[in-house]
């Protein structure tokens, strides 16, 4: 009740925008007081198509989502950061636990829980991890998708064949991607499997990246 009151009071300030990490229950409770809805990817109610439609119907509302970047499942992390993010249509994505150790970050057994560490620090130096590199690869996947999408729009009239081929590829990739967590539950058994099991085998990432690059090069 306090949160609902605070957010709605904040919205009385002209031009002020609000943000929070949320579940669907939070969005339902706060209502119009919340502008940027950064969903946790943990519940059946994480339904990107529905959320996008709701935000589109409410001026100024944005759909983001967040996840734990420290999970040591590189292929699943890459998929979420890139192709899955593209499928959600979200405006942004956010990660927590970049560096949140409990005690010694190199020892998962000396604290009340395992360490949430996306990169390690030792003697002032950053030690990267597979999951951090996987996030970078996923973001690069997303950049290929968005670049092709933008080229198709920009050159629809000047290069119609390239634009048509690009749109066809994007539609094909889109059809291969899970619409939400219910798809994960149907395939793997649990909605939370999105954080541990990749929708694609590792080889599929390279295949789709190459196909996207080839489609982009057709605009030269």
Protein backbone atom coordinates (compact mmCIF):
# COMPACT_ATOMS: atom_id res chain seq x y z
CA UNK A 1 0.00 0.00 0.00
CA UNK A 2 2.86 2.36 0.77
CA UNK A 3 4.48 1.64 -2.61
CA UNK A 4 1.26 2.32 -4.50
CA UNK A 5 0.84 5.60 -2.63
CA UNK A 6 4.44 6.68 -3.24
CA UNK A 7 4.46 5.88 -6.96
CA UNK A 8 1.20 7.67 -7.59
CA UNK A 9 2.40 10.71 -5.64
CA UNK A 10 5.60 10.75 -7.70
CA UNK A 11 3.55 10.81 -10.88
CA UNK A 12 2.00 14.10 -9.79
CA UNK A 13 5.37 15.73 -10.60
CA UNK A 14 5.27 16.94 -14.23
CA UNK A 15 7.63 15.00 -16.49
CA UNK A 16 8.83 12.59 -13.81
CA UNK A 17 9.11 8.95 -14.90
CA UNK A 18 9.14 5.94 -12.62
CA UNK A 19 10.87 2.56 -12.80
CA UNK A 20 10.80 -0.63 -10.78
CA UNK A 21 11.69 -4.28 -11.11
CA UNK A 22 8.37 -6.06 -10.85
CA UNK A 23 6.19 -9.12 -11.11
CA UNK A 24 2.77 -8.89 -12.75
CA UNK A 25 1.16 -8.50 -9.33
CA UNK A 26 3.25 -5.36 -8.76
CA UNK A 27 2.20 -3.90 -12.09
CA UNK A 28 -1.44 -4.61 -11.33
CA UNK A 29 -1.16 -2.95 -7.93
CA UNK A 30 0.82 0.17 -8.91
CA UNK A 31 -1.07 0.72 -12.14
CA UNK A 32 -0.57 4.02 -13.93
CA UNK A 33 2.03 5.17 -11.41
CA UNK A 34 4.67 2.91 -12.99
CA UNK A 35 6.25 3.86 -16.32
CA UNK A 36 9.13 1.44 -16.89
CA UNK A 37 8.04 -2.07 -15.91
CA UNK A 38 11.18 -4.22 -15.59
CA UNK A 39 9.75 -7.72 -15.24
CA UNK A 40 11.42 -10.59 -13.44
CA UNK A 41 11.57 -13.65 -15.70
CA UNK A 42 10.30 -16.16 -13.16
CA UNK A 43 6.54 -16.57 -13.57
CA UNK A 44 3.96 -17.81 -16.05
CA UNK A 45 2.69 -14.23 -16.16
CA UNK A 46 5.87 -13.19 -18.00
CA UNK A 47 4.05 -13.08 -21.33
CA UNK A 48 5.90 -10.66 -23.62
CA UNK A 49 3.20 -10.31 -26.31
CA UNK A 50 0.55 -9.47 -23.73
CA UNK A 51 2.84 -7.09 -21.85
CA UNK A 52 3.84 -5.31 -25.07
CA UNK A 53 0.20 -4.84 -26.03
CA UNK A 54 -0.64 -3.44 -22.59
CA UNK A 55 2.27 -0.98 -22.71
CA UNK A 56 1.36 0.10 -26.25
CA UNK A 57 -2.14 0.93 -25.07
CA UNK A 58 -0.80 3.16 -22.27
CA UNK A 59 1.22 6.18 -23.43
CA UNK A 60 4.71 6.38 -21.96
CA UNK A 61 4.81 2.84 -20.56
CA UNK A 62 7.84 0.69 -21.35
CA UNK A 63 8.47 -3.05 -21.07
CA UNK A 64 11.87 -4.15 -19.79
CA UNK A 65 12.95 -7.37 -18.11
CA UNK A 66 15.78 -8.46 -15.88
CA UNK A 67 17.68 -11.62 -15.06
CA UNK A 68 20.63 -12.89 -13.06
CA UNK A 69 23.78 -12.48 -15.13
CA UNK A 70 25.82 -14.63 -12.74
CA UNK A 71 24.19 -17.94 -13.64
CA UNK A 72 26.83 -20.30 -14.99
CA UNK A 73 24.93 -21.53 -18.05
CA UNK A 74 26.58 -19.67 -20.94
CA UNK A 75 24.34 -20.93 -23.75
CA UNK A 76 21.17 -20.12 -21.81
CA UNK A 77 22.56 -16.70 -20.84
CA UNK A 78 23.50 -15.91 -24.44
CA UNK A 79 20.07 -16.91 -25.72
CA UNK A 80 18.31 -14.67 -23.21
CA UNK A 81 20.59 -11.69 -23.90
CA UNK A 82 20.13 -11.88 -27.67
CA UNK A 83 17.54 -13.89 -29.53
CA UNK A 84 15.11 -14.16 -26.63
CA UNK A 85 15.35 -10.44 -25.94
CA UNK A 86 14.60 -9.77 -29.60
CA UNK A 87 11.55 -12.03 -29.40
CA UNK A 88 10.19 -10.28 -26.32
CA UNK A 89 10.20 -6.89 -28.08
CA UNK A 90 11.24 -5.29 -24.79
CA UNK A 91 12.79 -1.82 -24.81
CA UNK A 92 15.57 -2.83 -22.42
CA UNK A 93 17.04 -5.59 -20.31
CA UNK A 94 18.83 -5.37 -17.01
CA UNK A 95 21.14 -7.65 -15.03
CA UNK A 96 21.82 -7.85 -11.35
CA UNK A 97 24.60 -9.51 -9.38
CA UNK A 98 27.49 -8.21 -11.46
CA UNK A 99 29.56 -8.58 -8.30
CA UNK A 100 27.68 -9.59 -5.14
CA UNK A 101 29.76 -12.09 -3.17
CA UNK A 102 29.04 -13.49 0.28
CA UNK A 103 32.47 -13.66 1.84
CA UNK A 104 35.19 -15.01 -0.44
CA UNK A 105 33.89 -14.72 -4.00
CA UNK A 106 35.97 -17.74 -4.99
CA UNK A 107 34.25 -19.93 -2.39
CA UNK A 108 30.54 -20.69 -2.77
CA UNK A 109 30.35 -22.46 0.59
CA UNK A 110 31.42 -19.78 3.08
CA UNK A 111 28.25 -17.66 3.07
CA UNK A 112 24.53 -17.95 3.53
CA UNK A 113 24.16 -18.54 -0.22
CA UNK A 114 26.36 -19.08 -3.25
CA UNK A 115 28.14 -16.04 -4.62
CA UNK A 116 26.34 -14.06 -7.32
CA UNK A 117 29.36 -13.06 -9.36
CA UNK A 118 29.36 -12.26 -13.08
CA UNK A 119 33.04 -11.29 -13.07
CA UNK A 120 35.68 -11.82 -10.40
CA UNK A 121 38.10 -9.28 -8.97
CA UNK A 122 41.58 -10.16 -7.75
CA UNK A 123 44.40 -7.73 -6.94
CA UNK A 124 42.53 -4.95 -8.73
CA UNK A 125 42.18 -7.00 -11.90
CA UNK A 126 38.94 -8.18 -13.53
CA UNK A 127 38.68 -11.90 -14.21
CA UNK A 128 36.02 -12.51 -16.82
CA UNK A 129 33.68 -15.50 -16.88
CA UNK A 130 31.98 -17.58 -19.53
CA UNK A 131 28.60 -16.16 -18.56
CA UNK A 132 29.84 -12.55 -18.90
CA UNK A 133 31.26 -13.33 -22.34
CA UNK A 134 27.97 -15.06 -23.21
CA UNK A 135 26.03 -11.89 -22.38
CA UNK A 136 28.32 -9.99 -24.77
CA UNK A 137 27.74 -12.58 -27.49
CA UNK A 138 23.98 -12.35 -26.93
CA UNK A 139 24.05 -8.57 -27.25
CA UNK A 140 25.99 -8.96 -30.50
CA UNK A 141 23.32 -11.42 -31.73
CA UNK A 142 20.72 -8.78 -30.97
CA UNK A 143 22.70 -6.13 -32.86
CA UNK A 144 22.71 -8.31 -35.98
CA UNK A 145 18.94 -8.77 -35.71
CA UNK A 146 18.24 -5.08 -35.20
CA UNK A 147 20.64 -4.01 -37.97
CA UNK A 148 18.91 -6.28 -40.48
CA UNK A 149 15.52 -5.03 -39.32
CA UNK A 150 16.59 -1.41 -39.77
CA UNK A 151 18.10 -2.06 -43.21
CA UNK A 152 14.89 -3.72 -44.37
CA UNK A 153 12.94 -0.64 -43.36
CA UNK A 154 15.42 1.89 -44.76
CA UNK A 155 15.92 0.25 -48.16
CA UNK A 156 12.49 -1.27 -48.74
CA UNK A 157 12.03 0.84 -51.88
CA UNK A 158 15.63 1.03 -53.17
CA UNK A 159 16.62 -2.62 -52.61
CA UNK A 160 13.33 -4.51 -52.54
CA UNK A 161 14.79 -7.99 -53.10
CA UNK A 162 17.29 -7.65 -50.25
CA UNK A 163 14.60 -6.19 -48.01
CA UNK A 164 12.16 -9.00 -48.82
CA UNK A 165 14.80 -11.66 -48.15
CA UNK A 166 15.75 -9.98 -44.89
CA UNK A 167 12.16 -9.76 -43.69
CA UNK A 168 11.64 -13.42 -44.58
CA UNK A 169 14.70 -14.44 -42.55
CA UNK A 170 13.61 -12.35 -39.56
CA UNK A 171 10.14 -13.89 -39.68
CA UNK A 172 11.64 -17.37 -39.84
CA UNK A 173 13.88 -16.74 -36.84
CA UNK A 174 10.98 -15.15 -34.95
CA UNK A 175 8.89 -18.28 -35.50
CA UNK A 176 11.62 -20.44 -33.91
CA UNK A 177 11.75 -18.44 -30.70
CA UNK A 178 9.76 -19.06 -27.51
CA UNK A 179 6.98 -16.58 -26.87
CA UNK A 180 7.34 -16.79 -23.10
CA UNK A 181 7.96 -19.05 -20.14
CA UNK A 182 5.00 -21.30 -20.89
CA UNK A 183 6.94 -22.56 -23.92
CA UNK A 184 9.84 -23.49 -21.64
CA UNK A 185 7.49 -25.33 -19.33
CA UNK A 186 6.06 -27.30 -22.24
CA UNK A 187 9.48 -28.24 -23.60
CA UNK A 188 11.55 -28.74 -20.46
CA UNK A 189 9.04 -29.10 -17.61
CA UNK A 190 9.48 -25.88 -15.63
CA UNK A 191 9.26 -22.17 -16.44
CA UNK A 192 12.51 -21.58 -14.57
CA UNK A 193 14.38 -23.80 -17.02
CA UNK A 194 14.86 -20.64 -19.08
CA UNK A 195 17.75 -19.81 -16.74
CA UNK A 196 19.54 -23.14 -17.14
CA UNK A 197 18.59 -24.67 -20.49
CA UNK A 198 19.16 -23.07 -23.85
CA UNK A 199 16.37 -23.16 -26.36
CA UNK A 200 18.99 -23.79 -29.06
CA UNK A 201 22.01 -26.05 -29.33
CA UNK A 202 25.29 -24.07 -29.45
CA UNK A 203 25.67 -24.69 -33.19
CA UNK A 204 22.38 -22.92 -33.90
CA UNK A 205 23.75 -19.59 -32.70
CA UNK A 206 26.56 -19.66 -35.26
CA UNK A 207 24.21 -20.77 -38.02
CA UNK A 208 21.72 -17.95 -37.39
CA UNK A 209 24.48 -15.36 -36.93
CA UNK A 210 25.93 -16.35 -40.32
CA UNK A 211 22.54 -16.21 -42.02
CA UNK A 212 21.93 -12.75 -40.56
CA UNK A 213 25.35 -11.55 -41.71
CA UNK A 214 24.73 -12.84 -45.23
CA UNK A 215 21.35 -11.10 -45.37
CA UNK A 216 22.93 -7.84 -44.16
CA UNK A 217 25.63 -8.04 -46.82
CA UNK A 218 22.97 -8.13 -49.53
CA UNK A 219 22.40 -4.42 -48.87
CA UNK A 220 25.91 -3.46 -50.03
